[in-house]
Amino acid sequence: MISYSLGAAAPVKKRKVNEKTMRLDKYLKVSRIIKRRTVANEAAGAGRISVNGKVAKPSTEVKEGDTLDILLGGRHLLVRVESLKESVHKEDAAGMYSVLSGDADR
């Protein structure tokens, strides 16, 4: 009989039971900070977006209260995540974040 070693299990990120999270690329698209999810995915993949001071991947989970530092198209934008919603009307999208510094006319 052949036995295989599975090795050590990867650590599991624990989060609070009622804590809502969303993928970074999806949040940027839903909040309309970046128009298309593919563009958000490419920007995060290129290291142009940081979450709470750490360079983020597109799959990074964001939660309310996180700060996003975005460098895109020669512009710098620092925002705080105010709410997470799966979908939102265009008029209400700006309520999902507050601009801390940078160009607000995105």
N, C-alpha and C. Protein backbone atom coordinates (compact mmCIF):
# COMPACT_ATOMS: atom_id res chain seq x y z
N MET A 1 0.84 -1.17 0.00
CA MET A 1 0.00 0.00 0.00
C MET A 1 0.89 1.25 0.00
N ILE A 2 0.54 2.22 -0.83
CA ILE A 2 1.29 3.46 -0.93
C ILE A 2 0.59 4.52 -0.10
N SER A 3 1.36 5.23 0.69
CA SER A 3 0.76 6.33 1.47
C SER A 3 1.38 7.64 1.02
N TYR A 4 0.58 8.67 1.00
CA TYR A 4 1.02 9.98 0.58
C TYR A 4 0.93 10.95 1.74
N SER A 5 1.94 11.78 1.85
CA SER A 5 1.93 12.80 2.89
C SER A 5 1.27 14.05 2.35
N LEU A 6 0.30 14.55 3.07
CA LEU A 6 -0.40 15.76 2.64
C LEU A 6 0.33 17.02 3.09
N GLY A 7 1.27 16.88 3.98
CA GLY A 7 2.01 18.04 4.45
C GLY A 7 1.16 18.91 5.38
N ALA A 8 1.72 20.03 5.74
CA ALA A 8 1.01 20.93 6.65
C ALA A 8 -0.09 21.66 5.88
N ALA A 9 -1.20 21.81 6.56
CA ALA A 9 -2.33 22.53 5.94
C ALA A 9 -2.03 24.02 5.90
N ALA A 10 -2.50 24.67 4.86
CA ALA A 10 -2.32 26.12 4.74
C ALA A 10 -3.14 26.82 5.82
N PRO A 11 -2.59 27.90 6.39
CA PRO A 11 -3.34 28.61 7.42
C PRO A 11 -4.62 29.22 6.83
N VAL A 12 -5.68 29.15 7.60
CA VAL A 12 -6.96 29.68 7.17
C VAL A 12 -7.14 31.06 7.79
N LYS A 13 -7.49 32.03 6.94
CA LYS A 13 -7.74 33.37 7.45
C LYS A 13 -9.07 33.37 8.19
N LYS A 14 -9.04 33.79 9.43
CA LYS A 14 -10.26 33.84 10.22
C LYS A 14 -10.83 35.24 10.17
N ARG A 15 -12.13 35.33 10.07
CA ARG A 15 -12.79 36.61 10.13
C ARG A 15 -14.00 36.50 11.04
N LYS A 16 -14.46 37.63 11.49
CA LYS A 16 -15.59 37.64 12.40
C LYS A 16 -16.82 37.06 11.70
N VAL A 17 -17.71 36.50 12.48
CA VAL A 17 -18.87 35.80 11.94
C VAL A 17 -19.73 36.70 11.06
N ASN A 18 -20.03 37.91 11.49
CA ASN A 18 -20.92 38.80 10.74
C ASN A 18 -20.19 39.81 9.88
N GLU A 19 -18.89 39.63 9.70
CA GLU A 19 -18.11 40.59 8.94
C GLU A 19 -18.27 40.33 7.44
N LYS A 20 -18.82 41.32 6.72
CA LYS A 20 -19.00 41.21 5.28
C LYS A 20 -17.71 41.58 4.58
N THR A 21 -17.36 40.81 3.57
CA THR A 21 -16.19 41.13 2.76
C THR A 21 -16.56 40.99 1.29
N MET A 22 -15.70 41.57 0.44
CA MET A 22 -15.89 41.50 -1.00
C MET A 22 -14.52 41.55 -1.65
N ARG A 23 -14.38 40.86 -2.78
CA ARG A 23 -13.13 40.92 -3.53
C ARG A 23 -12.83 42.36 -3.94
N LEU A 24 -11.56 42.73 -3.91
CA LEU A 24 -11.14 44.08 -4.26
C LEU A 24 -11.58 44.47 -5.66
N ASP A 25 -11.33 43.62 -6.65
CA ASP A 25 -11.68 43.99 -8.02
C ASP A 25 -13.19 44.19 -8.20
N LYS A 26 -13.98 43.38 -7.53
CA LYS A 26 -15.43 43.54 -7.61
C LYS A 26 -15.87 44.83 -6.92
N TYR A 27 -15.30 45.14 -5.76
CA TYR A 27 -15.66 46.36 -5.05
C TYR A 27 -15.37 47.60 -5.89
N LEU A 28 -14.21 47.63 -6.52
CA LEU A 28 -13.84 48.78 -7.35
C LEU A 28 -14.80 48.95 -8.51
N LYS A 29 -15.31 47.87 -9.06
CA LYS A 29 -16.25 47.94 -10.16
C LYS A 29 -17.64 48.35 -9.67
N VAL A 30 -18.15 47.72 -8.62
CA VAL A 30 -19.49 48.01 -8.11
C VAL A 30 -19.58 49.46 -7.62
N SER A 31 -18.53 49.94 -6.95
CA SER A 31 -18.52 51.31 -6.43
C SER A 31 -18.24 52.33 -7.53
N ARG A 32 -17.88 51.83 -8.71
CA ARG A 32 -17.58 52.66 -9.88
C ARG A 32 -16.35 53.55 -9.68
N ILE A 33 -15.45 53.14 -8.81
CA ILE A 33 -14.16 53.82 -8.71
C ILE A 33 -13.39 53.53 -9.99
N ILE A 34 -13.48 52.28 -10.45
CA ILE A 34 -12.91 51.88 -11.74
C ILE A 34 -14.06 51.29 -12.56
N LYS A 35 -14.16 51.69 -13.80
CA LYS A 35 -15.33 51.39 -14.62
C LYS A 35 -15.53 49.90 -14.92
N ARG A 36 -14.45 49.19 -15.18
CA ARG A 36 -14.56 47.78 -15.55
C ARG A 36 -13.78 46.89 -14.59
N ARG A 37 -14.34 45.72 -14.30
CA ARG A 37 -13.69 44.79 -13.38
C ARG A 37 -12.37 44.29 -13.95
N THR A 38 -12.29 44.12 -15.25
CA THR A 38 -11.02 43.66 -15.84
C THR A 38 -9.92 44.71 -15.64
N VAL A 39 -10.27 45.98 -15.74
CA VAL A 39 -9.29 47.05 -15.52
C VAL A 39 -8.88 47.05 -14.05
N ALA A 40 -9.84 46.87 -13.14
CA ALA A 40 -9.53 46.80 -11.71
C ALA A 40 -8.62 45.61 -11.42
N ASN A 41 -8.91 44.49 -12.07
CA ASN A 41 -8.10 43.28 -11.90
C ASN A 41 -6.67 43.52 -12.37
N GLU A 42 -6.51 44.15 -13.52
CA GLU A 42 -5.17 44.43 -14.07
C GLU A 42 -4.41 45.42 -13.19
N ALA A 43 -5.09 46.45 -12.69
CA ALA A 43 -4.44 47.45 -11.84
C ALA A 43 -3.93 46.81 -10.55
N ALA A 44 -4.77 45.99 -9.93
CA ALA A 44 -4.35 45.32 -8.70
C ALA A 44 -3.24 44.32 -8.98
N GLY A 45 -3.34 43.61 -10.08
CA GLY A 45 -2.31 42.64 -10.45
C GLY A 45 -0.96 43.29 -10.72
N ALA A 46 -0.98 44.55 -11.14
CA ALA A 46 0.26 45.29 -11.43
C ALA A 46 0.80 46.00 -10.20
N GLY A 47 0.15 45.83 -9.05
CA GLY A 47 0.64 46.42 -7.81
C GLY A 47 0.31 47.90 -7.65
N ARG A 48 -0.70 48.39 -8.34
CA ARG A 48 -1.06 49.81 -8.27
C ARG A 48 -2.10 50.12 -7.20
N ILE A 49 -2.56 49.10 -6.49
CA ILE A 49 -3.58 49.30 -5.46
C ILE A 49 -3.10 48.68 -4.16
N SER A 50 -3.23 49.46 -3.08
CA SER A 50 -2.88 48.97 -1.74
C SER A 50 -4.11 49.01 -0.86
N VAL A 51 -4.24 48.02 0.00
CA VAL A 51 -5.32 47.98 0.98
C VAL A 51 -4.67 48.05 2.36
N ASN A 52 -5.01 49.09 3.11
CA ASN A 52 -4.43 49.30 4.44
C ASN A 52 -2.91 49.28 4.43
N GLY A 53 -2.32 49.87 3.38
CA GLY A 53 -0.87 49.99 3.31
C GLY A 53 -0.14 48.80 2.72
N LYS A 54 -0.86 47.74 2.35
CA LYS A 54 -0.22 46.55 1.78
C LYS A 54 -0.65 46.41 0.32
N VAL A 55 0.31 46.13 -0.55
CA VAL A 55 -0.01 45.92 -1.97
C VAL A 55 -1.00 44.76 -2.06
N ALA A 56 -2.07 44.97 -2.83
CA ALA A 56 -3.16 44.00 -2.87
C ALA A 56 -3.27 43.30 -4.21
N LYS A 57 -3.72 42.06 -4.17
CA LYS A 57 -4.04 41.29 -5.37
C LYS A 57 -5.52 41.52 -5.67
N PRO A 58 -5.97 41.19 -6.87
CA PRO A 58 -7.39 41.36 -7.20
C PRO A 58 -8.32 40.58 -6.26
N SER A 59 -7.85 39.46 -5.74
CA SER A 59 -8.68 38.62 -4.87
C SER A 59 -8.66 39.03 -3.41
N THR A 60 -7.91 40.07 -3.07
CA THR A 60 -7.86 40.53 -1.69
C THR A 60 -9.26 40.90 -1.21
N GLU A 61 -9.62 40.45 -0.03
CA GLU A 61 -10.94 40.75 0.53
C GLU A 61 -10.88 42.12 1.21
N VAL A 62 -11.84 42.99 0.88
CA VAL A 62 -11.95 44.29 1.55
C VAL A 62 -13.18 44.28 2.44
N LYS A 63 -13.15 45.10 3.48
CA LYS A 63 -14.27 45.22 4.40
C LYS A 63 -14.49 46.68 4.74
N GLU A 64 -15.59 46.99 5.36
CA GLU A 64 -15.89 48.37 5.73
C GLU A 64 -14.79 48.90 6.65
N GLY A 65 -14.36 50.12 6.38
CA GLY A 65 -13.30 50.75 7.19
C GLY A 65 -11.92 50.63 6.57
N ASP A 66 -11.74 49.76 5.59
CA ASP A 66 -10.44 49.63 4.93
C ASP A 66 -10.13 50.89 4.12
N THR A 67 -8.84 51.20 3.97
CA THR A 67 -8.44 52.31 3.10
C THR A 67 -7.78 51.74 1.85
N LEU A 68 -8.16 52.30 0.72
CA LEU A 68 -7.62 51.88 -0.58
C LEU A 68 -6.79 53.00 -1.15
N ASP A 69 -5.56 52.70 -1.51
CA ASP A 69 -4.64 53.66 -2.12
C ASP A 69 -4.48 53.24 -3.58
N ILE A 70 -4.98 54.07 -4.51
CA ILE A 70 -5.06 53.70 -5.91
C ILE A 70 -4.20 54.64 -6.76
N LEU A 71 -3.29 54.07 -7.53
CA LEU A 71 -2.48 54.82 -8.49
C LEU A 71 -2.86 54.32 -9.88
N LEU A 72 -3.55 55.16 -10.65
CA LEU A 72 -4.03 54.71 -11.95
C LEU A 72 -4.11 55.89 -12.91
N GLY A 73 -3.53 55.73 -14.08
CA GLY A 73 -3.59 56.77 -15.10
C GLY A 73 -2.93 58.07 -14.68
N GLY A 74 -1.85 57.99 -13.92
CA GLY A 74 -1.16 59.20 -13.47
C GLY A 74 -1.86 59.92 -12.34
N ARG A 75 -2.92 59.33 -11.80
CA ARG A 75 -3.67 59.93 -10.69
C ARG A 75 -3.50 59.11 -9.43
N HIS A 76 -3.64 59.77 -8.31
CA HIS A 76 -3.56 59.13 -7.01
C HIS A 76 -4.87 59.37 -6.28
N LEU A 77 -5.47 58.31 -5.73
CA LEU A 77 -6.73 58.42 -5.01
C LEU A 77 -6.65 57.58 -3.75
N LEU A 78 -6.99 58.20 -2.62
CA LEU A 78 -7.04 57.50 -1.34
C LEU A 78 -8.48 57.54 -0.86
N VAL A 79 -9.09 56.36 -0.68
CA VAL A 79 -10.49 56.28 -0.27
C VAL A 79 -10.66 55.34 0.91
N ARG A 80 -11.75 55.54 1.65
CA ARG A 80 -12.12 54.64 2.75
C ARG A 80 -13.39 53.91 2.33
N VAL A 81 -13.42 52.60 2.54
CA VAL A 81 -14.59 51.78 2.22
C VAL A 81 -15.66 52.08 3.28
N GLU A 82 -16.82 52.57 2.85
CA GLU A 82 -17.91 52.90 3.77
C GLU A 82 -18.96 51.80 3.83
N SER A 83 -19.22 51.14 2.69
CA SER A 83 -20.21 50.05 2.69
C SER A 83 -19.90 49.08 1.56
N LEU A 84 -20.41 47.87 1.71
CA LEU A 84 -20.26 46.82 0.71
C LEU A 84 -21.65 46.41 0.23
N LYS A 85 -21.87 46.48 -1.07
CA LYS A 85 -23.15 46.07 -1.66
C LYS A 85 -22.86 45.27 -2.92
N GLU A 86 -23.66 44.26 -3.17
CA GLU A 86 -23.48 43.43 -4.35
C GLU A 86 -23.78 44.19 -5.64
N SER A 87 -24.77 45.06 -5.58
CA SER A 87 -25.09 45.90 -6.73
C SER A 87 -25.67 47.21 -6.20
N VAL A 88 -25.51 48.27 -6.99
CA VAL A 88 -25.95 49.59 -6.55
C VAL A 88 -26.25 50.43 -7.78
N HIS A 89 -27.22 51.32 -7.65
CA HIS A 89 -27.52 52.24 -8.75
C HIS A 89 -26.39 53.25 -8.90
N LYS A 90 -26.22 53.74 -10.09
CA LYS A 90 -25.14 54.68 -10.40
C LYS A 90 -25.14 55.88 -9.45
N GLU A 91 -26.33 56.39 -9.14
CA GLU A 91 -26.44 57.57 -8.27
C GLU A 91 -25.96 57.29 -6.85
N ASP A 92 -26.07 56.04 -6.40
CA ASP A 92 -25.74 55.68 -5.03
C ASP A 92 -24.33 55.12 -4.87
N ALA A 93 -23.62 54.91 -5.98
CA ALA A 93 -22.30 54.27 -5.93
C ALA A 93 -21.29 55.07 -5.11
N ALA A 94 -21.32 56.39 -5.21
CA ALA A 94 -20.35 57.22 -4.48
C ALA A 94 -20.53 57.11 -2.97
N GLY A 95 -21.67 56.66 -2.51
CA GLY A 95 -21.90 56.48 -1.07
C GLY A 95 -21.20 55.26 -0.50
N MET A 96 -20.63 54.43 -1.36
CA MET A 96 -19.92 53.24 -0.89
C MET A 96 -18.52 53.56 -0.39
N TYR A 97 -18.04 54.76 -0.66
CA TYR A 97 -16.69 55.14 -0.24
C TYR A 97 -16.64 56.63 0.05
N SER A 98 -15.62 57.04 0.79
CA SER A 98 -15.38 58.46 0.99
C SER A 98 -13.94 58.76 0.56
N VAL A 99 -13.77 59.84 -0.18
CA VAL A 99 -12.45 60.23 -0.69
C VAL A 99 -11.68 60.93 0.43
N LEU A 100 -10.51 60.38 0.76
CA LEU A 100 -9.66 60.97 1.78
C LEU A 100 -8.69 61.97 1.17
N SER A 101 -8.18 61.67 -0.03
CA SER A 101 -7.33 62.59 -0.75
C SER A 101 -7.25 62.16 -2.21
N GLY A 102 -6.92 63.09 -3.07
CA GLY A 102 -6.76 62.77 -4.48
C GLY A 102 -7.83 63.37 -5.33
N ASP A 103 -7.91 62.87 -6.56
CA ASP A 103 -8.87 63.35 -7.55
C ASP A 103 -10.22 62.70 -7.32
N ALA A 104 -11.23 63.49 -7.00
CA ALA A 104 -12.56 62.97 -6.73
C ALA A 104 -13.41 62.86 -7.99
N ASP A 105 -12.93 63.36 -9.11
CA ASP A 105 -13.74 63.38 -10.33
C ASP A 105 -13.57 62.13 -11.18
N ARG A 106 -13.50 60.96 -10.60
CA ARG A 106 -13.32 59.71 -11.35
C ARG A 106 -14.63 59.26 -11.89
